[in-house]
Each structure stands twice: as structure tokens, then as C-alpha cells.
Amino acid sequence: MTGWVDAANWLQKLRESFPDWAFLYDPWQNTWSALRGKNDRVTATTAIELNALLREKRKKHTYA
């Protein structure tokens, strides 16, 4: 399980990198979620994976 300090650090990094998203970490489900608006939701099992998924989503949106 991710420690609370690690989770807090990752939440801060994610919020700084993606200010238009809201982030949730559920340590019991071991799930990281990003939410934006009513229909955008990205879920991953690690903060690193979530970061990568959001970067890819941003990249696709930028070039679309």
C-alpha cells in the first residue's frame, strides 16, 4: 500500500501538472482516479500509471 506521505506527494504533483482535473486516492481499493467535468474519468492502480494516462490523453487532445 502507498504510504500517506507518498500519496500526498503524488496528489500534489498531479494537481500541479493537471490543474483542470480533480484527483482521488483510495488506499483500500488501491485506486487512483482523475475527474474532470461530468464525463471525464481516468482510473489507474498507481499514481505513475495515472500520470502517464493523463499525459497521453492531453497529447491526443492537443493534436486532435
Foldseek 3Di string as FASTA:
>chain_A
DDDPVRVVVLLVVVCVVCVQWHWDADPVVQKIWIDHPDPDIDIDNDSVVVVVVVVVVVVVVVVD
